[in-house]
Amino acid sequence: MTRYLPSKQYQYAGVAAMALALVCACVATQFSLAWIAAGLFLATGSLLLLLALMPAIEIHDTHLAIGDRIVAWEEIRRLDRTGFISPLIVNLTLASGRRILLVYPGGLDASNALLRHLRRMTREALIDGIPHRQFWGESIPQESQRRTLPSPKYQLLRPEDEADVERLYQKLKSVGHFDRSDEK
């Protein structure tokens, strides 16, 4: 089992943003435009503290645990990464069609390690639209390697008609052209 905890940096940055929001609110009593900065710091601090309070993510051999929620690896049909690495945001699509947005507020190294674990363990899923085996470079049987059955040969003409066609072909080959008047 591997456990991924949220980074403490989000907690520290959230508290710092809240403190700056308080300072801006104090300044806003004298200078009214400081309310804008206070509101922005308050929103940023709230978001960072929310990320710091995200549940731990655990990787087990049989399942993925996101806090109290357990998802079996066999249930995951698609793993799509968004553009965010730190915090890591990944879309998981389950066999039932339900989607889970996985958010992990960790450092860059921990986020990359978690993403690698997720990609390795979801053996039945498409990873960013690519099948698991192909994503990891494992060989997938090619069309030429697959066993092909010979195409069946159907007899289209009777033996007498085949002989007539062969005779006409040989005549055409020797003359170079086919003239209907020669046949009469």
N, C-alpha and C. Protein backbone atom coordinates (compact mmCIF):
# COMPACT_ATOMS: atom_id res chain seq x y z
N MET A 1 0.83 -1.18 0.00
CA MET A 1 0.00 0.00 0.00
C MET A 1 0.88 1.24 0.00
N THR A 2 0.50 2.20 -0.80
CA THR A 2 1.16 3.50 -0.84
C THR A 2 0.14 4.57 -0.52
N ARG A 3 0.52 5.49 0.35
CA ARG A 3 -0.42 6.53 0.80
C ARG A 3 0.12 7.89 0.37
N TYR A 4 -0.76 8.67 -0.23
CA TYR A 4 -0.40 10.01 -0.69
C TYR A 4 -1.21 11.03 0.11
N LEU A 5 -0.51 11.82 0.91
CA LEU A 5 -1.14 12.86 1.74
C LEU A 5 -1.01 14.22 1.08
N PRO A 6 -1.96 15.13 1.32
CA PRO A 6 -1.82 16.48 0.77
C PRO A 6 -0.57 17.17 1.31
N SER A 7 0.02 18.00 0.50
CA SER A 7 1.23 18.72 0.89
C SER A 7 0.91 19.79 1.93
N LYS A 8 1.78 19.95 2.89
CA LYS A 8 1.62 20.98 3.93
C LYS A 8 1.77 22.38 3.34
N GLN A 9 2.40 22.49 2.18
CA GLN A 9 2.60 23.80 1.57
C GLN A 9 1.27 24.48 1.26
N TYR A 10 0.24 23.70 0.92
CA TYR A 10 -1.07 24.29 0.65
C TYR A 10 -1.66 24.87 1.94
N GLN A 11 -1.44 24.18 3.05
CA GLN A 11 -1.94 24.67 4.33
C GLN A 11 -1.23 25.98 4.71
N TYR A 12 0.09 26.00 4.59
CA TYR A 12 0.85 27.20 4.92
C TYR A 12 0.48 28.37 4.02
N ALA A 13 0.34 28.11 2.72
CA ALA A 13 -0.01 29.18 1.78
C ALA A 13 -1.43 29.68 2.04
N GLY A 14 -2.34 28.78 2.42
CA GLY A 14 -3.72 29.18 2.72
C GLY A 14 -3.78 30.08 3.94
N VAL A 15 -3.03 29.72 4.98
CA VAL A 15 -3.00 30.55 6.20
C VAL A 15 -2.38 31.91 5.89
N ALA A 16 -1.31 31.92 5.08
CA ALA A 16 -0.67 33.18 4.71
C ALA A 16 -1.63 34.06 3.91
N ALA A 17 -2.39 33.47 2.99
CA ALA A 17 -3.34 34.24 2.19
C ALA A 17 -4.46 34.80 3.07
N MET A 18 -4.89 34.04 4.06
CA MET A 18 -5.93 34.53 4.98
C MET A 18 -5.38 35.69 5.81
N ALA A 19 -4.12 35.59 6.24
CA ALA A 19 -3.51 36.68 7.01
C ALA A 19 -3.40 37.94 6.16
N LEU A 20 -3.01 37.76 4.88
CA LEU A 20 -2.93 38.91 3.98
C LEU A 20 -4.33 39.51 3.72
N ALA A 21 -5.35 38.67 3.69
CA ALA A 21 -6.72 39.16 3.53
C ALA A 21 -7.10 40.03 4.73
N LEU A 22 -6.70 39.61 5.93
CA LEU A 22 -6.98 40.39 7.14
C LEU A 22 -6.25 41.73 7.11
N VAL A 23 -4.97 41.71 6.67
CA VAL A 23 -4.20 42.96 6.57
C VAL A 23 -4.86 43.89 5.55
N CYS A 24 -5.27 43.35 4.41
CA CYS A 24 -5.92 44.18 3.38
C CYS A 24 -7.26 44.74 3.88
N ALA A 25 -7.96 43.96 4.71
CA ALA A 25 -9.22 44.45 5.27
C ALA A 25 -8.97 45.61 6.22
N CYS A 26 -7.87 45.52 6.96
CA CYS A 26 -7.53 46.64 7.86
C CYS A 26 -7.16 47.88 7.06
N VAL A 27 -6.43 47.69 5.97
CA VAL A 27 -6.04 48.83 5.13
C VAL A 27 -7.27 49.39 4.42
N ALA A 28 -8.24 48.52 4.11
CA ALA A 28 -9.44 48.94 3.38
C ALA A 28 -10.28 49.92 4.16
N THR A 29 -10.11 49.99 5.48
CA THR A 29 -10.85 50.99 6.26
C THR A 29 -10.42 52.40 5.89
N GLN A 30 -9.16 52.54 5.43
CA GLN A 30 -8.65 53.85 5.03
C GLN A 30 -8.68 54.03 3.51
N PHE A 31 -8.48 52.94 2.78
CA PHE A 31 -8.36 52.99 1.31
C PHE A 31 -9.31 51.93 0.74
N SER A 32 -10.40 52.35 0.16
CA SER A 32 -11.48 51.42 -0.20
C SER A 32 -11.12 50.42 -1.30
N LEU A 33 -10.16 50.72 -2.15
CA LEU A 33 -9.77 49.76 -3.20
C LEU A 33 -9.07 48.52 -2.62
N ALA A 34 -8.65 48.58 -1.40
CA ALA A 34 -7.99 47.43 -0.77
C ALA A 34 -8.98 46.29 -0.52
N TRP A 35 -10.30 46.60 -0.59
CA TRP A 35 -11.30 45.52 -0.43
C TRP A 35 -11.19 44.50 -1.56
N ILE A 36 -10.79 44.96 -2.72
CA ILE A 36 -10.61 44.03 -3.85
C ILE A 36 -9.51 43.04 -3.53
N ALA A 37 -8.37 43.56 -3.06
CA ALA A 37 -7.26 42.67 -2.70
C ALA A 37 -7.65 41.76 -1.54
N ALA A 38 -8.40 42.28 -0.58
CA ALA A 38 -8.83 41.47 0.56
C ALA A 38 -9.73 40.33 0.08
N GLY A 39 -10.63 40.62 -0.84
CA GLY A 39 -11.51 39.58 -1.38
C GLY A 39 -10.74 38.52 -2.16
N LEU A 40 -9.78 38.97 -2.96
CA LEU A 40 -8.97 38.00 -3.72
C LEU A 40 -8.12 37.13 -2.79
N PHE A 41 -7.52 37.73 -1.77
CA PHE A 41 -6.74 36.94 -0.81
C PHE A 41 -7.64 35.96 -0.05
N LEU A 42 -8.84 36.42 0.29
CA LEU A 42 -9.78 35.55 1.01
C LEU A 42 -10.18 34.35 0.14
N ALA A 43 -10.48 34.59 -1.13
CA ALA A 43 -10.85 33.50 -2.04
C ALA A 43 -9.69 32.54 -2.26
N THR A 44 -8.50 33.08 -2.46
CA THR A 44 -7.32 32.23 -2.66
C THR A 44 -7.01 31.42 -1.42
N GLY A 45 -7.07 32.05 -0.26
CA GLY A 45 -6.80 31.34 0.99
C GLY A 45 -7.81 30.24 1.25
N SER A 46 -9.08 30.52 0.95
CA SER A 46 -10.12 29.50 1.13
C SER A 46 -9.87 28.30 0.22
N LEU A 47 -9.52 28.56 -1.04
CA LEU A 47 -9.24 27.48 -1.99
C LEU A 47 -8.03 26.66 -1.54
N LEU A 48 -6.99 27.34 -1.09
CA LEU A 48 -5.78 26.62 -0.66
C LEU A 48 -6.04 25.79 0.60
N LEU A 49 -6.83 26.32 1.53
CA LEU A 49 -7.17 25.54 2.73
C LEU A 49 -8.08 24.36 2.39
N LEU A 50 -8.96 24.56 1.41
CA LEU A 50 -9.81 23.46 0.96
C LEU A 50 -8.96 22.34 0.35
N LEU A 51 -7.97 22.71 -0.44
CA LEU A 51 -7.06 21.71 -1.01
C LEU A 51 -6.24 21.01 0.07
N ALA A 52 -5.84 21.77 1.10
CA ALA A 52 -5.04 21.18 2.17
C ALA A 52 -5.85 20.17 2.99
N LEU A 53 -7.17 20.30 2.99
CA LEU A 53 -8.03 19.39 3.75
C LEU A 53 -8.55 18.21 2.93
N MET A 54 -8.06 18.04 1.71
CA MET A 54 -8.49 16.92 0.86
C MET A 54 -8.08 15.60 1.53
N PRO A 55 -8.86 14.53 1.31
CA PRO A 55 -8.53 13.24 1.93
C PRO A 55 -7.28 12.61 1.30
N ALA A 56 -6.68 11.73 2.06
CA ALA A 56 -5.50 11.00 1.56
C ALA A 56 -5.93 10.01 0.48
N ILE A 57 -5.01 9.72 -0.43
CA ILE A 57 -5.25 8.75 -1.50
C ILE A 57 -4.34 7.56 -1.25
N GLU A 58 -4.94 6.37 -1.23
CA GLU A 58 -4.18 5.15 -0.98
C GLU A 58 -4.25 4.24 -2.18
N ILE A 59 -3.10 3.71 -2.56
CA ILE A 59 -3.00 2.77 -3.67
C ILE A 59 -2.80 1.38 -3.07
N HIS A 60 -3.76 0.48 -3.31
CA HIS A 60 -3.66 -0.91 -2.87
C HIS A 60 -3.56 -1.80 -4.11
N ASP A 61 -3.23 -3.07 -3.90
CA ASP A 61 -3.14 -3.99 -5.03
C ASP A 61 -4.49 -4.22 -5.70
N THR A 62 -5.56 -4.17 -4.93
CA THR A 62 -6.87 -4.49 -5.46
C THR A 62 -7.76 -3.28 -5.71
N HIS A 63 -7.45 -2.15 -5.08
CA HIS A 63 -8.33 -1.00 -5.20
C HIS A 63 -7.60 0.32 -4.94
N LEU A 64 -8.33 1.39 -5.23
CA LEU A 64 -7.90 2.75 -4.98
C LEU A 64 -8.81 3.31 -3.90
N ALA A 65 -8.23 3.88 -2.86
CA ALA A 65 -9.02 4.46 -1.77
C ALA A 65 -8.80 5.97 -1.76
N ILE A 66 -9.90 6.70 -1.90
CA ILE A 66 -9.86 8.16 -1.84
C ILE A 66 -10.66 8.53 -0.60
N GLY A 67 -9.98 8.70 0.52
CA GLY A 67 -10.67 8.92 1.78
C GLY A 67 -11.43 7.65 2.14
N ASP A 68 -12.74 7.76 2.29
CA ASP A 68 -13.58 6.61 2.61
C ASP A 68 -14.08 5.89 1.36
N ARG A 69 -13.95 6.49 0.21
CA ARG A 69 -14.44 5.90 -1.04
C ARG A 69 -13.42 4.90 -1.58
N ILE A 70 -13.91 3.70 -1.92
CA ILE A 70 -13.05 2.64 -2.46
C ILE A 70 -13.50 2.33 -3.87
N VAL A 71 -12.55 2.31 -4.80
CA VAL A 71 -12.84 2.01 -6.20
C VAL A 71 -11.92 0.86 -6.62
N ALA A 72 -12.52 -0.25 -7.06
CA ALA A 72 -11.72 -1.39 -7.53
C ALA A 72 -11.07 -1.01 -8.86
N TRP A 73 -9.87 -1.53 -9.09
CA TRP A 73 -9.14 -1.21 -10.32
C TRP A 73 -9.91 -1.69 -11.55
N GLU A 74 -10.64 -2.81 -11.42
CA GLU A 74 -11.37 -3.36 -12.55
C GLU A 74 -12.54 -2.47 -12.97
N GLU A 75 -13.00 -1.62 -12.07
CA GLU A 75 -14.13 -0.73 -12.38
C GLU A 75 -13.72 0.46 -13.24
N ILE A 76 -12.46 0.82 -13.20
CA ILE A 76 -11.99 2.02 -13.91
C ILE A 76 -11.81 1.67 -15.39
N ARG A 77 -12.54 2.39 -16.24
CA ARG A 77 -12.49 2.15 -17.69
C ARG A 77 -11.69 3.21 -18.43
N ARG A 78 -11.52 4.36 -17.83
CA ARG A 78 -10.80 5.44 -18.51
C ARG A 78 -10.12 6.33 -17.48
N LEU A 79 -8.89 6.72 -17.75
CA LEU A 79 -8.12 7.62 -16.90
C LEU A 79 -7.62 8.75 -17.79
N ASP A 80 -8.18 9.94 -17.60
CA ASP A 80 -7.81 11.08 -18.42
C ASP A 80 -7.18 12.17 -17.57
N ARG A 81 -5.99 12.56 -17.95
CA ARG A 81 -5.29 13.61 -17.24
C ARG A 81 -5.71 14.96 -17.76
N THR A 82 -5.81 15.91 -16.88
CA THR A 82 -6.06 17.29 -17.29
C THR A 82 -4.70 17.98 -17.42
N GLY A 83 -4.69 19.26 -17.61
CA GLY A 83 -3.44 19.99 -17.75
C GLY A 83 -2.73 20.27 -16.44
N PHE A 84 -3.37 19.94 -15.32
CA PHE A 84 -2.79 20.26 -14.01
C PHE A 84 -1.93 19.10 -13.51
N ILE A 85 -0.71 19.42 -13.08
CA ILE A 85 0.18 18.42 -12.50
C ILE A 85 0.26 18.60 -10.99
N SER A 86 0.42 19.86 -10.55
CA SER A 86 0.47 20.12 -9.12
C SER A 86 -0.42 21.31 -8.83
N PRO A 87 -1.60 21.12 -8.31
CA PRO A 87 -2.22 19.88 -7.86
C PRO A 87 -2.60 19.00 -9.04
N LEU A 88 -2.51 17.70 -8.83
CA LEU A 88 -2.84 16.72 -9.86
C LEU A 88 -4.36 16.58 -9.94
N ILE A 89 -4.90 16.76 -11.13
CA ILE A 89 -6.33 16.60 -11.36
C ILE A 89 -6.50 15.58 -12.48
N VAL A 90 -7.21 14.48 -12.15
CA VAL A 90 -7.39 13.37 -13.09
C VAL A 90 -8.88 13.01 -13.13
N ASN A 91 -9.40 12.75 -14.32
CA ASN A 91 -10.77 12.26 -14.48
C ASN A 91 -10.75 10.75 -14.58
N LEU A 92 -11.53 10.08 -13.73
CA LEU A 92 -11.67 8.63 -13.78
C LEU A 92 -13.09 8.33 -14.23
N THR A 93 -13.23 7.48 -15.24
CA THR A 93 -14.55 7.03 -15.69
C THR A 93 -14.70 5.58 -15.30
N LEU A 94 -15.78 5.27 -14.60
CA LEU A 94 -16.02 3.92 -14.11
C LEU A 94 -16.85 3.12 -15.12
N ALA A 95 -16.92 1.82 -14.89
CA ALA A 95 -17.67 0.93 -15.78
C ALA A 95 -19.14 1.31 -15.83
N SER A 96 -19.68 1.86 -14.76
CA SER A 96 -21.08 2.27 -14.73
C SER A 96 -21.33 3.56 -15.50
N GLY A 97 -20.25 4.20 -15.96
CA GLY A 97 -20.37 5.47 -16.68
C GLY A 97 -20.20 6.68 -15.77
N ARG A 98 -20.17 6.46 -14.46
CA ARG A 98 -19.98 7.54 -13.50
C ARG A 98 -18.56 8.06 -13.59
N ARG A 99 -18.40 9.35 -13.40
CA ARG A 99 -17.07 9.97 -13.46
C ARG A 99 -16.67 10.46 -12.08
N ILE A 100 -15.40 10.30 -11.78
CA ILE A 100 -14.85 10.78 -10.52
C ILE A 100 -13.72 11.75 -10.86
N LEU A 101 -13.76 12.92 -10.25
CA LEU A 101 -12.69 13.90 -10.41
C LEU A 101 -11.74 13.70 -9.23
N LEU A 102 -10.55 13.20 -9.52
CA LEU A 102 -9.54 12.94 -8.49
C LEU A 102 -8.63 14.16 -8.40
N VAL A 103 -8.58 14.78 -7.23
CA VAL A 103 -7.74 15.96 -7.00
C VAL A 103 -6.74 15.60 -5.92
N TYR A 104 -5.45 15.71 -6.24
CA TYR A 104 -4.41 15.44 -5.26
C TYR A 104 -3.52 16.67 -5.13
N PRO A 105 -3.60 17.38 -3.99
CA PRO A 105 -2.76 18.56 -3.79
C PRO A 105 -1.42 18.19 -3.17
N GLY A 106 -0.55 17.69 -4.00
CA GLY A 106 0.78 17.30 -3.52
C GLY A 106 1.85 18.04 -4.28
N GLY A 107 3.08 17.76 -3.92
CA GLY A 107 4.20 18.35 -4.62
C GLY A 107 4.34 17.73 -6.00
N LEU A 108 5.25 18.27 -6.79
CA LEU A 108 5.42 17.82 -8.16
C LEU A 108 5.87 16.36 -8.23
N ASP A 109 6.83 15.98 -7.40
CA ASP A 109 7.33 14.59 -7.41
C ASP A 109 6.26 13.61 -6.95
N ALA A 110 5.54 13.96 -5.89
CA ALA A 110 4.49 13.08 -5.38
C ALA A 110 3.34 12.97 -6.39
N SER A 111 3.00 14.07 -7.07
CA SER A 111 1.94 14.03 -8.07
C SER A 111 2.33 13.13 -9.25
N ASN A 112 3.57 13.24 -9.69
CA ASN A 112 4.03 12.39 -10.79
C ASN A 112 4.06 10.92 -10.37
N ALA A 113 4.45 10.65 -9.13
CA ALA A 113 4.48 9.26 -8.64
C ALA A 113 3.06 8.70 -8.56
N LEU A 114 2.11 9.49 -8.07
CA LEU A 114 0.72 9.04 -8.00
C LEU A 114 0.17 8.78 -9.40
N LEU A 115 0.43 9.68 -10.33
CA LEU A 115 -0.04 9.49 -11.70
C LEU A 115 0.54 8.21 -12.31
N ARG A 116 1.81 7.96 -12.06
CA ARG A 116 2.44 6.72 -12.56
C ARG A 116 1.78 5.49 -11.94
N HIS A 117 1.50 5.53 -10.62
CA HIS A 117 0.82 4.41 -9.96
C HIS A 117 -0.57 4.19 -10.56
N LEU A 118 -1.31 5.26 -10.76
CA LEU A 118 -2.65 5.14 -11.33
C LEU A 118 -2.60 4.53 -12.73
N ARG A 119 -1.66 4.98 -13.52
CA ARG A 119 -1.54 4.45 -14.89
C ARG A 119 -1.14 2.98 -14.89
N ARG A 120 -0.28 2.58 -13.97
CA ARG A 120 0.16 1.17 -13.91
C ARG A 120 -0.96 0.24 -13.44
N MET A 121 -1.74 0.70 -12.50
CA MET A 121 -2.73 -0.19 -11.87
C MET A 121 -4.03 -0.31 -12.67
N THR A 122 -4.36 0.64 -13.50
CA THR A 122 -5.60 0.57 -14.27
C THR A 122 -5.37 -0.21 -15.56
N ARG A 123 -5.28 -1.52 -15.42
CA ARG A 123 -4.92 -2.38 -16.54
C ARG A 123 -6.02 -2.52 -17.60
N GLU A 124 -7.26 -2.32 -17.22
CA GLU A 124 -8.36 -2.48 -18.17
C GLU A 124 -8.86 -1.14 -18.71
N ALA A 125 -8.15 -0.08 -18.42
CA ALA A 125 -8.64 1.26 -18.77
C ALA A 125 -7.89 1.84 -19.96
N LEU A 126 -8.53 2.81 -20.57
CA LEU A 126 -7.86 3.63 -21.58
C LEU A 126 -7.14 4.74 -20.83
N ILE A 127 -5.90 4.95 -21.15
CA ILE A 127 -5.12 6.01 -20.50
C ILE A 127 -4.96 7.14 -21.50
N ASP A 128 -5.63 8.24 -21.25
CA ASP A 128 -5.66 9.38 -22.16
C ASP A 128 -6.08 8.94 -23.56
N GLY A 129 -7.01 7.98 -23.62
CA GLY A 129 -7.54 7.51 -24.89
C GLY A 129 -6.74 6.39 -25.54
N ILE A 130 -5.68 5.92 -24.90
CA ILE A 130 -4.82 4.87 -25.46
C ILE A 130 -4.96 3.63 -24.59
N PRO A 131 -5.11 2.44 -25.19
CA PRO A 131 -5.20 1.22 -24.38
C PRO A 131 -3.95 1.04 -23.50
N HIS A 132 -4.16 0.43 -22.33
CA HIS A 132 -3.10 0.27 -21.33
C HIS A 132 -1.85 -0.38 -21.91
N ARG A 133 -2.02 -1.49 -22.61
CA ARG A 133 -0.86 -2.21 -23.16
C ARG A 133 -0.10 -1.36 -24.16
N GLN A 134 -0.82 -0.66 -25.01
CA GLN A 134 -0.17 0.18 -26.01
C GLN A 134 0.50 1.38 -25.34
N PHE A 135 -0.11 1.94 -24.30
CA PHE A 135 0.46 3.09 -23.60
C PHE A 135 1.83 2.75 -23.02
N TRP A 136 1.96 1.54 -22.47
CA TRP A 136 3.21 1.13 -21.85
C TRP A 136 4.16 0.44 -22.82
N GLY A 137 3.82 0.40 -24.10
CA GLY A 137 4.73 -0.13 -25.10
C GLY A 137 4.75 -1.65 -25.18
N GLU A 138 3.77 -2.31 -24.60
CA GLU A 138 3.72 -3.76 -24.70
C GLU A 138 3.21 -4.12 -26.08
N SER A 139 3.62 -5.29 -26.54
CA SER A 139 3.25 -5.68 -27.90
C SER A 139 1.78 -6.06 -27.97
N ILE A 140 1.14 -5.53 -28.98
CA ILE A 140 -0.24 -5.88 -29.28
C ILE A 140 -0.20 -6.65 -30.60
N PRO A 141 -0.86 -7.79 -30.67
CA PRO A 141 -0.81 -8.56 -31.92
C PRO A 141 -1.27 -7.72 -33.11
N GLN A 142 -0.43 -7.69 -34.13
CA GLN A 142 -0.76 -6.96 -35.34
C GLN A 142 -1.66 -7.79 -36.22
N GLU A 143 -2.27 -7.14 -37.20
CA GLU A 143 -3.16 -7.85 -38.13
C GLU A 143 -2.39 -8.94 -38.87
N SER A 144 -1.14 -8.66 -39.25
CA SER A 144 -0.37 -9.64 -40.02
C SER A 144 0.02 -10.84 -39.16
N GLN A 145 0.13 -10.65 -37.83
CA GLN A 145 0.51 -11.75 -36.95
C GLN A 145 -0.67 -12.63 -36.59
N ARG A 146 -1.86 -12.12 -36.74
CA ARG A 146 -3.04 -12.91 -36.41
C ARG A 146 -3.23 -14.01 -37.45
N ARG A 147 -3.79 -15.10 -37.04
CA ARG A 147 -4.02 -16.22 -37.93
C ARG A 147 -5.15 -15.86 -38.89
N THR A 148 -4.86 -15.95 -40.17
CA THR A 148 -5.87 -15.65 -41.17
C THR A 148 -6.27 -16.93 -41.88
N LEU A 149 -7.53 -17.05 -42.14
CA LEU A 149 -8.03 -18.21 -42.86
C LEU A 149 -7.96 -17.93 -44.35
N PRO A 150 -7.65 -18.95 -45.15
CA PRO A 150 -7.61 -18.72 -46.60
C PRO A 150 -9.01 -18.43 -47.12
N SER A 151 -9.08 -17.55 -48.09
CA SER A 151 -10.40 -17.22 -48.63
C SER A 151 -10.92 -18.41 -49.43
N PRO A 152 -12.20 -18.67 -49.33
CA PRO A 152 -12.76 -19.82 -50.04
C PRO A 152 -12.79 -19.57 -51.54
N LYS A 153 -12.60 -20.65 -52.34
CA LYS A 153 -12.63 -20.55 -53.79
C LYS A 153 -13.97 -21.11 -54.26
N TYR A 154 -14.75 -20.26 -54.91
CA TYR A 154 -16.05 -20.66 -55.41
C TYR A 154 -15.93 -20.93 -56.91
N GLN A 155 -16.56 -21.99 -57.36
CA GLN A 155 -16.58 -22.29 -58.79
C GLN A 155 -17.70 -21.49 -59.42
N LEU A 156 -17.35 -20.53 -60.30
CA LEU A 156 -18.34 -19.66 -60.92
C LEU A 156 -18.85 -20.21 -62.24
N LEU A 157 -18.01 -20.95 -62.94
CA LEU A 157 -18.39 -21.47 -64.25
C LEU A 157 -18.36 -22.99 -64.25
N ARG A 158 -19.15 -23.57 -65.15
CA ARG A 158 -19.09 -25.01 -65.34
C ARG A 158 -17.80 -25.34 -66.08
N PRO A 159 -17.31 -26.55 -66.00
CA PRO A 159 -16.06 -26.91 -66.68
C PRO A 159 -16.09 -26.62 -68.18
N GLU A 160 -17.25 -26.87 -68.88
CA GLU A 160 -17.29 -26.59 -70.33
C GLU A 160 -17.17 -25.11 -70.61
N ASP A 161 -17.79 -24.27 -69.73
CA ASP A 161 -17.70 -22.82 -69.92
C ASP A 161 -16.28 -22.33 -69.65
N GLU A 162 -15.62 -22.91 -68.67
CA GLU A 162 -14.23 -22.53 -68.40
C GLU A 162 -13.35 -22.82 -69.60
N ALA A 163 -13.56 -23.97 -70.24
CA ALA A 163 -12.78 -24.32 -71.43
C ALA A 163 -13.04 -23.32 -72.55
N ASP A 164 -14.29 -22.88 -72.73
CA ASP A 164 -14.64 -21.91 -73.75
C ASP A 164 -13.98 -20.56 -73.46
N VAL A 165 -14.00 -20.14 -72.20
CA VAL A 165 -13.35 -18.88 -71.81
C VAL A 165 -11.84 -18.97 -72.05
N GLU A 166 -11.26 -20.07 -71.72
CA GLU A 166 -9.81 -20.26 -71.93
C GLU A 166 -9.48 -20.21 -73.42
N ARG A 167 -10.30 -20.83 -74.26
CA ARG A 167 -10.07 -20.81 -75.71
C ARG A 167 -10.15 -19.38 -76.24
N LEU A 168 -11.14 -18.60 -75.80
CA LEU A 168 -11.27 -17.21 -76.24
C LEU A 168 -10.09 -16.37 -75.76
N TYR A 169 -9.65 -16.62 -74.56
CA TYR A 169 -8.50 -15.88 -74.01
C TYR A 169 -7.24 -16.15 -74.83
N GLN A 170 -7.01 -17.41 -75.18
CA GLN A 170 -5.82 -17.75 -75.96
C GLN A 170 -5.90 -17.12 -77.35
N LYS A 171 -7.08 -17.09 -77.94
CA LYS A 171 -7.25 -16.48 -79.26
C LYS A 171 -6.98 -14.99 -79.18
N LEU A 172 -7.50 -14.33 -78.15
CA LEU A 172 -7.28 -12.89 -77.95
C LEU A 172 -5.80 -12.61 -77.74
N LYS A 173 -5.16 -13.46 -77.01
CA LYS A 173 -3.73 -13.28 -76.71
C LYS A 173 -2.89 -13.41 -77.97
N SER A 174 -3.24 -14.32 -78.85
CA SER A 174 -2.44 -14.54 -80.07
C SER A 174 -2.70 -13.45 -81.11
N VAL A 175 -3.93 -12.96 -81.23
CA VAL A 175 -4.27 -11.96 -82.24
C VAL A 175 -3.97 -10.55 -81.75
N GLY A 176 -4.18 -10.30 -80.45
CA GLY A 176 -3.96 -8.97 -79.90
C GLY A 176 -5.23 -8.19 -79.74
N HIS A 177 -6.31 -8.61 -80.37
CA HIS A 177 -7.61 -7.97 -80.21
C HIS A 177 -8.68 -9.03 -80.44
N PHE A 178 -9.88 -8.71 -80.08
CA PHE A 178 -10.97 -9.67 -80.21
C PHE A 178 -12.00 -9.09 -81.17
N ASP A 179 -12.23 -9.79 -82.27
CA ASP A 179 -13.20 -9.35 -83.26
C ASP A 179 -14.31 -10.36 -83.32
N ARG A 180 -15.54 -9.94 -83.21
CA ARG A 180 -16.70 -10.82 -83.21
C ARG A 180 -16.86 -11.55 -84.55
N SER A 181 -16.41 -10.97 -85.63
CA SER A 181 -16.59 -11.57 -86.95
C SER A 181 -15.76 -12.84 -87.10
N ASP A 182 -14.67 -12.97 -86.36
CA ASP A 182 -13.84 -14.17 -86.44
C ASP A 182 -14.54 -15.37 -85.86
N GLU A 183 -15.45 -15.15 -84.96
CA GLU A 183 -16.09 -16.24 -84.25
C GLU A 183 -17.12 -16.96 -85.11
N LYS A 184 -17.75 -16.29 -86.08
CA LYS A 184 -18.81 -16.88 -86.90
C LYS A 184 -18.31 -17.80 -87.93
